[in-house]
C-alpha atoms as a PDB file:
ATOM      1  CA  UNK A   1     129.180  32.231 -20.001  1.00  0.00           C
ATOM      2  CA  UNK A   2     132.487  33.087 -17.495  1.00  0.00           C
ATOM      3  CA  UNK A   3     133.842  31.758 -14.429  1.00  0.00           C
ATOM      4  CA  UNK A   4     133.022  32.540 -10.928  1.00  0.00           C
ATOM      5  CA  UNK A   5     135.823  30.499  -9.989  1.00  0.00           C
ATOM      6  CA  UNK A   6     138.632  28.174 -12.014  1.00  0.00           C
ATOM      7  CA  UNK A   7     140.696  25.684  -9.940  1.00  0.00           C
ATOM      8  CA  UNK A   8     143.401  24.088 -11.692  1.00  0.00           C
ATOM      9  CA  UNK A   9     145.606  21.513 -10.544  1.00  0.00           C
ATOM     10  CA  UNK A  10     145.441  22.135  -7.242  1.00  0.00           C
ATOM     11  CA  UNK A  11     147.270  19.672  -4.269  1.00  0.00           C
ATOM     12  CA  UNK A  12     147.484  19.788  -0.995  1.00  0.00           C
ATOM     13  CA  UNK A  13     149.792  17.641   1.623  1.00  0.00           C
ATOM     14  CA  UNK A  14     149.499  17.146   5.585  1.00  0.00           C
ATOM     15  CA  UNK A  15     152.768  15.931   6.425  1.00  0.00           C
ATOM     16  CA  UNK A  16     152.758  12.523   4.709  1.00  0.00           C
ATOM     17  CA  UNK A  17     149.258  12.197   3.619  1.00  0.00           C
ATOM     18  CA  UNK A  18     148.255  13.414  -0.054  1.00  0.00           C
ATOM     19  CA  UNK A  19     145.181  15.081   0.756  1.00  0.00           C
ATOM     20  CA  UNK A  20     144.805  17.152  -2.792  1.00  0.00           C
ATOM     21  CA  UNK A  21     145.942  15.419  -6.239  1.00  0.00           C
ATOM     22  CA  UNK A  22     146.045  18.147  -8.482  1.00  0.00           C
ATOM     23  CA  UNK A  23     141.349  19.243  -8.493  1.00  0.00           C
ATOM     24  CA  UNK A  24     140.718  21.008 -11.059  1.00  0.00           C
ATOM     25  CA  UNK A  25     137.004  22.178 -11.787  1.00  0.00           C
ATOM     26  CA  UNK A  26     135.369  25.055 -12.844  1.00  0.00           C
ATOM     27  CA  UNK A  27     131.717  26.919 -11.528  1.00  0.00           C
ATOM     28  CA  UNK A  28     130.219  29.148 -14.056  1.00  0.00           C
ATOM     29  CA  UNK A  29     128.864  32.561 -12.810  1.00  0.00           C
ATOM     30  CA  UNK A  30     125.118  32.093 -11.315  1.00  0.00           C
ATOM     31  CA  UNK A  31     124.476  28.538 -11.088  1.00  0.00           C
ATOM     32  CA  UNK A  32     124.403  26.063  -7.871  1.00  0.00           C
ATOM     33  CA  UNK A  33     127.516  24.253  -8.434  1.00  0.00           C
ATOM     34  CA  UNK A  34     128.010  20.507  -5.801  1.00  0.00           C
ATOM     35  CA  UNK A  35     131.172  19.492  -4.713  1.00  0.00           C
ATOM     36  CA  UNK A  36     130.006  15.709  -3.463  1.00  0.00           C
ATOM     37  CA  UNK A  37     132.458  13.376  -1.882  1.00  0.00           C
ATOM     38  CA  UNK A  38     132.279  11.268   1.050  1.00  0.00           C
ATOM     39  CA  UNK A  39     133.704  12.567   4.382  1.00  0.00           C
ATOM     40  CA  UNK A  40     137.391  12.894   4.011  1.00  0.00           C
ATOM     41  CA  UNK A  41     137.838  13.454   0.596  1.00  0.00           C
ATOM     42  CA  UNK A  42     139.446  16.639   0.671  1.00  0.00           C
ATOM     43  CA  UNK A  43     135.667  18.853   0.153  1.00  0.00           C
ATOM     44  CA  UNK A  44     136.808  21.409   3.199  1.00  0.00           C
ATOM     45  CA  UNK A  45     140.666  21.176   2.348  1.00  0.00           C
ATOM     46  CA  UNK A  46     139.600  22.774  -1.092  1.00  0.00           C
ATOM     47  CA  UNK A  47     137.286  24.751   0.465  1.00  0.00           C
ATOM     48  CA  UNK A  48     139.771  26.475   2.811  1.00  0.00           C
ATOM     49  CA  UNK A  49     142.440  26.716   0.108  1.00  0.00           C
ATOM     50  CA  UNK A  50     139.833  28.843  -2.323  1.00  0.00           C
ATOM     51  CA  UNK A  51     139.097  31.356   0.794  1.00  0.00           C
ATOM     52  CA  UNK A  52     142.919  31.212   1.197  1.00  0.00           C
ATOM     53  CA  UNK A  53     143.234  29.963   4.619  1.00  0.00           C
ATOM     54  CA  UNK A  54     145.472  27.281   3.615  1.00  0.00           C
ATOM     55  CA  UNK A  55     148.048  27.679   1.509  1.00  0.00           C
ATOM     56  CA  UNK A  56     148.581  24.959  -1.472  1.00  0.00           C
ATOM     57  CA  UNK A  57     151.471  22.663  -2.539  1.00  0.00           C
ATOM     58  CA  UNK A  58     150.364  23.356  -5.860  1.00  0.00           C
ATOM     59  CA  UNK A  59     148.063  24.950  -8.347  1.00  0.00           C
ATOM     60  CA  UNK A  60     146.044  27.582  -8.924  1.00  0.00           C
ATOM     61  CA  UNK A  61     142.802  29.302  -7.735  1.00  0.00           C
ATOM     62  CA  UNK A  62     141.053  32.380  -9.522  1.00  0.00           C
ATOM     63  CA  UNK A  63     138.037  34.336  -8.173  1.00  0.00           C
ATOM     64  CA  UNK A  64     136.340  36.024 -11.046  1.00  0.00           C
ATOM     65  CA  UNK A  65     139.803  36.140 -12.722  1.00  0.00           C
ATOM     66  CA  UNK A  66     142.179  37.254 -10.099  1.00  0.00           C
ATOM     67  CA  UNK A  67     144.318  34.901  -8.251  1.00  0.00           C
ATOM     68  CA  UNK A  68     143.538  33.906  -4.807  1.00  0.00           C
ATOM     69  CA  UNK A  69     146.764  34.182  -1.870  1.00  0.00           C
ATOM     70  CA  UNK A  70     147.265  32.078   0.688  1.00  0.00           C
ATOM     71  CA  UNK A  71     147.373  34.984   3.673  1.00  0.00           C
ATOM     72  CA  UNK A  72     146.983  37.995   1.205  1.00  0.00           C
ATOM     73  CA  UNK A  73     142.449  37.387   0.519  1.00  0.00           C
ATOM     74  CA  UNK A  74     141.770  40.373  -1.334  1.00  0.00           C
ATOM     75  CA  UNK A  75     139.704  38.397  -3.143  1.00  0.00           C
ATOM     76  CA  UNK A  76     137.443  37.363  -0.129  1.00  0.00           C
ATOM     77  CA  UNK A  77     136.098  40.794  -0.612  1.00  0.00           C
ATOM     78  CA  UNK A  78     134.141  38.829  -3.601  1.00  0.00           C
ATOM     79  CA  UNK A  79     133.203  35.892  -1.364  1.00  0.00           C
ATOM     80  CA  UNK A  80     130.506  34.533   0.996  1.00  0.00           C
ATOM     81  CA  UNK A  81     131.835  31.933   3.355  1.00  0.00           C
ATOM     82  CA  UNK A  82     129.366  29.125   5.332  1.00  0.00           C
ATOM     83  CA  UNK A  83     131.138  26.802   7.840  1.00  0.00           C
ATOM     84  CA  UNK A  84     129.382  24.127   8.188  1.00  0.00           C
ATOM     85  CA  UNK A  85     128.981  25.046  12.152  1.00  0.00           C
ATOM     86  CA  UNK A  86     128.183  28.508  12.039  1.00  0.00           C
ATOM     87  CA  UNK A  87     128.774  30.508  15.242  1.00  0.00           C
ATOM     88  CA  UNK A  88     126.721  33.112  16.200  1.00  0.00           C
ATOM     89  CA  UNK A  89     126.255  36.004  19.560  1.00  0.00           C
ATOM     90  CA  UNK A  90     123.667  33.970  21.045  1.00  0.00           C
ATOM     91  CA  UNK A  91     121.886  36.999  23.087  1.00  0.00           C
ATOM     92  CA  UNK A  92     121.416  39.368  20.392  1.00  0.00           C
ATOM     93  CA  UNK A  93     118.759  39.104  18.006  1.00  0.00           C
ATOM     94  CA  UNK A  94     119.374  38.467  13.746  1.00  0.00           C
ATOM     95  CA  UNK A  95     118.579  41.827  13.143  1.00  0.00           C
ATOM     96  CA  UNK A  96     121.039  43.298  16.086  1.00  0.00           C
ATOM     97  CA  UNK A  97     123.517  40.400  14.644  1.00  0.00           C
ATOM     98  CA  UNK A  98     123.208  41.496  11.489  1.00  0.00           C
ATOM     99  CA  UNK A  99     123.890  44.588  11.888  1.00  0.00           C
ATOM    100  CA  UNK A 100     127.047  44.045  13.343  1.00  0.00           C
ATOM    101  CA  UNK A 101     128.390  41.863  10.169  1.00  0.00           C
ATOM    102  CA  UNK A 102     127.012  44.657   8.231  1.00  0.00           C
ATOM    103  CA  UNK A 103     129.404  47.091   9.858  1.00  0.00           C
ATOM    104  CA  UNK A 104     132.314  44.797  10.135  1.00  0.00           C
ATOM    105  CA  UNK A 105     131.665  43.947   5.983  1.00  0.00           C
ATOM    106  CA  UNK A 106     131.937  48.143   5.187  1.00  0.00           C
ATOM    107  CA  UNK A 107     128.271  47.788   3.565  1.00  0.00           C
ATOM    108  CA  UNK A 108     127.184  50.998   3.695  1.00  0.00           C
ATOM    109  CA  UNK A 109     125.419  52.912   6.487  1.00  0.00           C
ATOM    110  CA  UNK A 110     122.478  53.964   4.590  1.00  0.00           C
ATOM    111  CA  UNK A 111     121.968  50.762   2.599  1.00  0.00           C
ATOM    112  CA  UNK A 112     122.240  48.353   6.093  1.00  0.00           C
ATOM    113  CA  UNK A 113     118.649  48.460   7.345  1.00  0.00           C
ATOM    114  CA  UNK A 114     117.201  47.928   3.703  1.00  0.00           C
ATOM    115  CA  UNK A 115     119.718  45.385   2.665  1.00  0.00           C
ATOM    116  CA  UNK A 116     119.221  43.101   5.975  1.00  0.00           C
ATOM    117  CA  UNK A 117     115.495  43.186   5.399  1.00  0.00           C
ATOM    118  CA  UNK A 118     115.924  41.707   2.454  1.00  0.00           C
ATOM    119  CA  UNK A 119     118.077  39.246   2.948  1.00  0.00           C
ATOM    120  CA  UNK A 120     116.066  38.027   6.703  1.00  0.00           C
ATOM    121  CA  UNK A 121     113.038  37.629   4.400  1.00  0.00           C
ATOM    122  CA  UNK A 122     115.060  35.754   1.790  1.00  0.00           C
ATOM    123  CA  UNK A 123     116.032  33.122   4.013  1.00  0.00           C
ATOM    124  CA  UNK A 124     112.360  33.038   5.744  1.00  0.00           C
ATOM    125  CA  UNK A 125     113.447  34.937   9.418  1.00  0.00           C
ATOM    126  CA  UNK A 126     111.729  38.203   8.250  1.00  0.00           C
ATOM    127  CA  UNK A 127     109.769  37.914  11.109  1.00  0.00           C
ATOM    128  CA  UNK A 128     111.869  36.365  14.237  1.00  0.00           C
ATOM    129  CA  UNK A 129     111.765  38.400  16.619  1.00  0.00           C
ATOM    130  CA  UNK A 130     113.359  35.853  19.336  1.00  0.00           C
ATOM    131  CA  UNK A 131     116.949  36.000  20.196  1.00  0.00           C
ATOM    132  CA  UNK A 132     119.695  33.855  18.472  1.00  0.00           C
ATOM    133  CA  UNK A 133     120.010  31.287  21.418  1.00  0.00           C
ATOM    134  CA  UNK A 134     116.507  30.010  20.782  1.00  0.00           C
ATOM    135  CA  UNK A 135     117.318  29.198  17.233  1.00  0.00           C
ATOM    136  CA  UNK A 136     116.933  24.699  15.862  1.00  0.00           C
ATOM    137  CA  UNK A 137     120.466  24.858  13.854  1.00  0.00           C
ATOM    138  CA  UNK A 138     117.843  24.635  10.560  1.00  0.00           C
ATOM    139  CA  UNK A 139     117.679  28.448  11.514  1.00  0.00           C
ATOM    140  CA  UNK A 140     121.380  29.272  12.602  1.00  0.00           C
ATOM    141  CA  UNK A 141     122.333  27.975   8.954  1.00  0.00           C
ATOM    142  CA  UNK A 142     119.212  29.918   7.633  1.00  0.00           C
ATOM    143  CA  UNK A 143     120.318  32.887   8.955  1.00  0.00           C
ATOM    144  CA  UNK A 144     124.147  32.026   8.514  1.00  0.00           C
ATOM    145  CA  UNK A 145     123.103  32.355   4.525  1.00  0.00           C
ATOM    146  CA  UNK A 146     122.105  35.730   5.449  1.00  0.00           C
ATOM    147  CA  UNK A 147     124.984  37.104   6.982  1.00  0.00           C
ATOM    148  CA  UNK A 148     127.570  35.321   4.659  1.00  0.00           C
ATOM    149  CA  UNK A 149     125.526  37.318   1.757  1.00  0.00           C
ATOM    150  CA  UNK A 150     125.404  40.412   3.609  1.00  0.00           C
ATOM    151  CA  UNK A 151     127.859  42.000   1.633  1.00  0.00           C
ATOM    152  CA  UNK A 152     126.752  41.106  -2.233  1.00  0.00           C
ATOM    153  CA  UNK A 153     129.578  38.629  -2.551  1.00  0.00           C
ATOM    154  CA  UNK A 154     129.900  37.416  -5.780  1.00  0.00           C
ATOM    155  CA  UNK A 155     130.605  33.718  -4.745  1.00  0.00           C
ATOM    156  CA  UNK A 156     128.757  32.078  -2.055  1.00  0.00           C
ATOM    157  CA  UNK A 157     130.570  29.256  -0.706  1.00  0.00           C
ATOM    158  CA  UNK A 158     129.154  26.855   1.506  1.00  0.00           C
ATOM    159  CA  UNK A 159     130.551  24.007   3.048  1.00  0.00           C
ATOM    160  CA  UNK A 160     128.124  20.685   4.345  1.00  0.00           C
ATOM    161  CA  UNK A 161     125.458  23.348   5.156  1.00  0.00           C
ATOM    162  CA  UNK A 162     122.217  20.691   5.173  1.00  0.00           C
ATOM    163  CA  UNK A 163     124.520  18.212   6.979  1.00  0.00           C
ATOM    164  CA  UNK A 164     122.740  16.881  10.236  1.00  0.00           C
ATOM    165  CA  UNK A 165     119.511  18.960   9.561  1.00  0.00           C
ATOM    166  CA  UNK A 166     116.248  16.501   9.530  1.00  0.00           C
ATOM    167  CA  UNK A 167     114.285  17.455   6.298  1.00  0.00           C
ATOM    168  CA  UNK A 168     112.142  19.988   7.330  1.00  0.00           C
ATOM    169  CA  UNK A 169     115.514  21.752   7.668  1.00  0.00           C
ATOM    170  CA  UNK A 170     117.312  20.233   4.551  1.00  0.00           C
ATOM    171  CA  UNK A 171     114.464  21.719   2.502  1.00  0.00           C
ATOM    172  CA  UNK A 172     115.233  25.225   3.973  1.00  0.00           C
ATOM    173  CA  UNK A 173     118.227  25.596   3.271  1.00  0.00           C
ATOM    174  CA  UNK A 174     117.967  24.576  -0.219  1.00  0.00           C
ATOM    175  CA  UNK A 175     115.574  26.691  -0.987  1.00  0.00           C
ATOM    176  CA  UNK A 176     117.759  29.614   0.599  1.00  0.00           C
ATOM    177  CA  UNK A 177     120.580  28.651  -1.326  1.00  0.00           C
ATOM    178  CA  UNK A 178     118.452  28.363  -5.205  1.00  0.00           C
ATOM    179  CA  UNK A 179     116.428  31.607  -3.947  1.00  0.00           C
ATOM    180  CA  UNK A 180     120.560  32.899  -3.727  1.00  0.00           C
ATOM    181  CA  UNK A 181     121.460  32.508  -6.975  1.00  0.00           C
ATOM    182  CA  UNK A 182     119.165  35.065  -8.424  1.00  0.00           C
ATOM    183  CA  UNK A 183     122.406  36.860  -6.615  1.00  0.00           C
ATOM    184  CA  UNK A 184     125.356  35.198  -6.420  1.00  0.00           C
ATOM    185  CA  UNK A 185     127.406  32.131  -7.827  1.00  0.00           C
ATOM    186  CA  UNK A 186     127.264  29.370  -5.077  1.00  0.00           C
ATOM    187  CA  UNK A 187     129.351  26.667  -4.452  1.00  0.00           C
ATOM    188  CA  UNK A 188     128.218  23.318  -1.976  1.00  0.00           C
ATOM    189  CA  UNK A 189     129.829  20.604  -0.405  1.00  0.00           C
ATOM    190  CA  UNK A 190     127.506  17.869   0.461  1.00  0.00           C
ATOM    191  CA  UNK A 191     127.787  14.388   0.530  1.00  0.00           C
ATOM    192  CA  UNK A 192     124.022  13.974   0.428  1.00  0.00           C
ATOM    193  CA  UNK A 193     123.171  13.384  -3.415  1.00  0.00           C
ATOM    194  CA  UNK A 194     119.757  14.166  -3.377  1.00  0.00           C
ATOM    195  CA  UNK A 195     119.971  18.265  -1.977  1.00  0.00           C
ATOM    196  CA  UNK A 196     122.490  18.229  -5.352  1.00  0.00           C
ATOM    197  CA  UNK A 197     119.945  16.585  -7.632  1.00  0.00           C
ATOM    198  CA  UNK A 198     117.168  18.786  -6.285  1.00  0.00           C
ATOM    199  CA  UNK A 199     118.946  22.224  -7.084  1.00  0.00           C
ATOM    200  CA  UNK A 200     122.580  22.270  -8.964  1.00  0.00           C
ATOM    201  CA  UNK A 201     123.108  22.959 -12.528  1.00  0.00           C
ATOM    202  CA  UNK A 202     126.357  21.844 -11.907  1.00  0.00           C
ATOM    203  CA  UNK A 203     128.638  19.193 -10.102  1.00  0.00           C
ATOM    204  CA  UNK A 204     131.859  17.802  -9.360  1.00  0.00           C
ATOM    205  CA  UNK A 205     132.976  14.480  -7.657  1.00  0.00           C
ATOM    206  CA  UNK A 206     135.701  14.104  -5.277  1.00  0.00           C
ATOM    207  CA  UNK A 207     136.779  10.804  -4.843  1.00  0.00           C
ATOM    208  CA  UNK A 208     140.696  10.251  -2.333  1.00  0.00           C
ATOM    209  CA  UNK A 209     141.716  13.680  -3.062  1.00  0.00           C
ATOM    210  CA  UNK A 210     140.935  14.131  -6.933  1.00  0.00           C
ATOM    211  CA  UNK A 211     137.971  15.186  -8.714  1.00  0.00           C
ATOM    212  CA  UNK A 212     136.939  11.709 -10.983  1.00  0.00           C
ATOM    213  CA  UNK A 213     133.305  13.086 -12.744  1.00  0.00           C
ATOM    214  CA  UNK A 214     132.512  17.044 -13.315  1.00  0.00           C
ATOM    215  CA  UNK A 215     129.881  18.180 -15.621  1.00  0.00           C
ATOM    216  CA  UNK A 216     126.317  19.826 -15.704  1.00  0.00           C
ATOM    217  CA  UNK A 217     123.767  17.530 -14.003  1.00  0.00           C
ATOM    218  CA  UNK A 218     121.641  16.482 -17.094  1.00  0.00           C
ATOM    219  CA  UNK A 219     125.017  14.935 -18.667  1.00  0.00           C
ATOM    220  CA  UNK A 220     125.604  13.507 -15.354  1.00  0.00           C
ATOM    221  CA  UNK A 221     122.280  11.981 -15.588  1.00  0.00           C
ATOM    222  CA  UNK A 222     123.366  10.510 -19.447  1.00  0.00           C
ATOM    223  CA  UNK A 223     126.454   8.952 -17.647  1.00  0.00           C
ATOM    224  CA  UNK A 224     124.248   6.633 -15.457  1.00  0.00           C
ATOM    225  CA  UNK A 225     124.254   3.449 -18.255  1.00  0.00           C
ATOM    226  CA  UNK A 226     121.247   2.277 -17.575  1.00  0.00           C
ATOM    227  CA  UNK A 227     119.104   1.165 -15.119  1.00  0.00           C
ATOM    228  CA  UNK A 228     117.604  -1.798 -12.971  1.00  0.00           C
ATOM    229  CA  UNK A 229     114.297  -3.148 -13.287  1.00  0.00           C
ATOM    230  CA  UNK A 230     112.410  -5.694 -10.913  1.00  0.00           C
ATOM    231  CA  UNK A 231     110.264  -8.792 -11.944  1.00  0.00           C
ATOM    232  CA  UNK A 232     108.478 -10.214  -8.755  1.00  0.00           C
ATOM    233  CA  UNK A 233     107.054 -13.193  -9.865  1.00  0.00           C
ATOM    234  CA  UNK A 234     104.239 -15.546  -8.717  1.00  0.00           C
ATOM    235  CA  UNK A 235     106.253 -18.372  -7.861  1.00  0.00           C
ATOM    236  CA  UNK A 236     109.502 -20.113  -8.120  1.00  0.00           C
ATOM    237  CA  UNK A 237     108.786 -21.753 -11.163  1.00  0.00           C
ATOM    238  CA  UNK A 238     107.657 -18.620 -12.880  1.00  0.00           C
ATOM    239  CA  UNK A 239     111.206 -16.869 -11.561  1.00  0.00           C
ATOM    240  CA  UNK A 240     113.273 -19.839 -13.238  1.00  0.00           C
ATOM    241  CA  UNK A 241     111.303 -19.643 -16.158  1.00  0.00           C
ATOM    242  CA  UNK A 242     112.456 -15.962 -17.212  1.00  0.00           C
ATOM    243  CA  UNK A 243     115.870 -16.679 -15.685  1.00  0.00           C
ATOM    244  CA  UNK A 244     115.929 -19.665 -18.397  1.00  0.00           C
ATOM    245  CA  UNK A 245     115.148 -17.157 -21.299  1.00  0.00           C
ATOM    246  CA  UNK A 246     116.917 -14.190 -19.695  1.00  0.00           C
ATOM    247  CA  UNK A 247     120.000 -14.981 -18.636  1.00  0.00           C
ATOM    248  CA  UNK A 248     120.580 -11.277 -17.393  1.00  0.00           C
ATOM    249  CA  UNK A 249     118.249 -11.623 -14.333  1.00  0.00           C
ATOM    250  CA  UNK A 250     119.996 -12.552 -10.794  1.00  0.00           C
ATOM    251  CA  UNK A 251     117.580 -12.946  -8.228  1.00  0.00           C
ATOM    252  CA  UNK A 252     116.961  -9.955  -6.059  1.00  0.00           C
ATOM    253  CA  UNK A 253     117.501 -10.078  -1.743  1.00  0.00           C
ATOM    254  CA  UNK A 254     114.511  -7.631  -0.905  1.00  0.00           C
ATOM    255  CA  UNK A 255     113.455  -7.853   2.497  1.00  0.00           C
ATOM    256  CA  UNK A 256     110.179  -9.170   2.866  1.00  0.00           C
ATOM    257  CA  UNK A 257     109.691  -9.957  -0.452  1.00  0.00           C
ATOM    258  CA  UNK A 258     110.850 -13.592  -2.320  1.00  0.00           C
ATOM    259  CA  UNK A 259     111.190 -14.570  -6.136  1.00  0.00           C
ATOM    260  CA  UNK A 260     112.146 -11.296  -7.272  1.00  0.00           C
ATOM    261  CA  UNK A 261     114.626 -11.343 -10.315  1.00  0.00           C
ATOM    262  CA  UNK A 262     116.978  -7.540 -10.813  1.00  0.00           C
ATOM    263  CA  UNK A 263     117.925  -6.957 -14.352  1.00  0.00           C
ATOM    264  CA  UNK A 264     121.514  -4.777 -14.048  1.00  0.00           C
ATOM    265  CA  UNK A 265     121.464  -1.952 -16.234  1.00  0.00           C
ATOM    266  CA  UNK A 266     119.262  -2.328 -17.966  1.00  0.00           C
ATOM    267  CA  UNK A 267     117.787  -0.534 -21.314  1.00  0.00           C
ATOM    268  CA  UNK A 268     114.331   0.712 -22.003  1.00  0.00           C
ATOM    269  CA  UNK A 269     114.166  -1.709 -25.038  1.00  0.00           C
ATOM    270  CA  UNK A 270     115.174  -4.673 -22.398  1.00  0.00           C
ATOM    271  CA  UNK A 271     112.200  -4.053 -20.490  1.00  0.00           C
ATOM    272  CA  UNK A 272     109.382  -4.163 -23.086  1.00  0.00           C
ATOM    273  CA  UNK A 273     111.123  -7.482 -24.649  1.00  0.00           C
ATOM    274  CA  UNK A 274     110.295  -8.773 -21.276  1.00  0.00           C
ATOM    275  CA  UNK A 275     106.894  -7.851 -20.664  1.00  0.00           C
ATOM    276  CA  UNK A 276     106.388  -9.015 -23.836  1.00  0.00           C
ATOM    277  CA  UNK A 277     107.951 -12.339 -22.945  1.00  0.00           C
ATOM    278  CA  UNK A 278     105.398 -12.305 -19.640  1.00  0.00           C
ATOM    279  CA  UNK A 279     102.503 -11.571 -21.623  1.00  0.00           C
ATOM    280  CA  UNK A 280     102.734 -13.756 -24.531  1.00  0.00           C
ATOM    281  CA  UNK A 281     103.417 -17.173 -22.260  1.00  0.00           C
ATOM    282  CA  UNK A 282     101.287 -15.790 -19.496  1.00  0.00           C
ATOM    283  CA  UNK A 283     103.771 -16.262 -17.118  1.00  0.00           C
ATOM    284  CA  UNK A 284     102.122 -15.082 -13.392  1.00  0.00           C
ATOM    285  CA  UNK A 285     104.152 -12.472 -11.784  1.00  0.00           C
ATOM    286  CA  UNK A 286     102.938  -9.995  -9.060  1.00  0.00           C
ATOM    287  CA  UNK A 287     104.624  -6.673 -10.693  1.00  0.00           C
ATOM    288  CA  UNK A 288     107.600  -5.536 -12.660  1.00  0.00           C
ATOM    289  CA  UNK A 289     108.743  -1.747 -11.851  1.00  0.00           C
ATOM    290  CA  UNK A 290     111.718   0.053 -13.542  1.00  0.00           C
ATOM    291  CA  UNK A 291     114.137   1.614 -11.772  1.00  0.00           C
ATOM    292  CA  UNK A 292     115.875   4.827 -12.632  1.00  0.00           C
ATOM    293  CA  UNK A 293     119.350   4.960 -11.730  1.00  0.00           C
ATOM    294  CA  UNK A 294     120.254   8.144  -9.386  1.00  0.00           C
ATOM    295  CA  UNK A 295     122.873   9.942  -8.664  1.00  0.00           C
ATOM    296  CA  UNK A 296     124.025   7.770  -5.856  1.00  0.00           C
ATOM    297  CA  UNK A 297     124.605   4.677  -8.448  1.00  0.00           C
ATOM    298  CA  UNK A 298     126.765   7.105 -10.572  1.00  0.00           C
ATOM    299  CA  UNK A 299     128.503   8.421  -7.602  1.00  0.00           C
ATOM    300  CA  UNK A 300     129.086   4.544  -5.987  1.00  0.00           C
ATOM    301  CA  UNK A 301     130.138   3.528 -10.047  1.00  0.00           C
ATOM    302  CA  UNK A 302     132.953   5.989 -10.574  1.00  0.00           C
ATOM    303  CA  UNK A 303     133.856   5.592  -6.304  1.00  0.00           C
ATOM    304  CA  UNK A 304     133.901   2.035  -6.834  1.00  0.00           C
ATOM    305  CA  UNK A 305     135.732   1.602 -10.337  1.00  0.00           C
ATOM    306  CA  UNK A 306     137.585   5.732 -11.126  1.00  0.00           C
ATOM    307  CA  UNK A 307     141.251   4.243 -11.335  1.00  0.00           C
ATOM    308  CA  UNK A 308     143.309   6.490  -9.090  1.00  0.00           C
ATOM    309  CA  UNK A 309     144.883   9.620 -11.232  1.00  0.00           C
ATOM    310  CA  UNK A 310     142.137   9.120 -13.518  1.00  0.00           C
ATOM    311  CA  UNK A 311     139.200  11.641 -14.231  1.00  0.00           C
ATOM    312  CA  UNK A 312     136.292  12.060 -16.399  1.00  0.00           C
ATOM    313  CA  UNK A 313     134.422  15.168 -17.716  1.00  0.00           C
ATOM    314  CA  UNK A 314     131.590  14.830 -18.744  1.00  0.00           C
ATOM    315  CA  UNK A 315     131.426  18.379 -20.581  1.00  0.00           C
ATOM    316  CA  UNK A 316     130.453  18.727 -23.918  1.00  0.00           C
ATOM    317  CA  UNK A 317     129.156  14.607 -24.471  1.00  0.00           C
END
């Protein structure tokens, strides 16, 4: 599979602050790629550099093999872009706005109407007749995706497309991005990790201007280093008996509950041994729960534990 986007050794400094410290990652064609990082990690700076809107200090960026050059953004003919807060002419309807965008983007006149209807249907706005002024933020984000895809770009870049949206709005945007994968490659930045787990094929974690982990979702899940499990004992005596036999148990602080033990990064075999021990000795418990590790657990782990200057490449594991 060829790469839609290749970023190699990207560095960017603003004054004395080094925002990007040698960022490298690739986005395969026809995939959905999650660019994960906390606010201020450098995600927007990376995206603006990919778009040729910022000049990097070092590094090379290619879009479908063509080099991105600051101020000479020929590669942008292949790119659609949705900023985190898209702006519109609020007095227009969706079709009026997209007709204007189609003219600016050079969509052939004979194809505009069909293309506009196709995009509005894809983002769930085909029946919307009102002016943009009355749209919710989620509706505006969906219209932004339609605008970004209007000229049939080979790469769609979205900057925090689900931030500040309610659950319904987030679902609508994620559904639209997943539908867009059929006709383009999607790169979207986010700090909402559940969104990445839901629709992405691959992801990279950016921390303090560096990529600390990258790989397919399957590879990232395989890196989670075990899971936690909880045992709720019926009383203090039962809890102490379990701790005496299994030193890895620690008392868990859970609001509204007491006598709960947590085993961090345990295996399925550890869990089976604990349950067998409880059954053999008839220890009274209120419940036992296996807690699957999430992408959030992995994110917190690598951003806390990975030293500066270290990247963990998961591909091929």
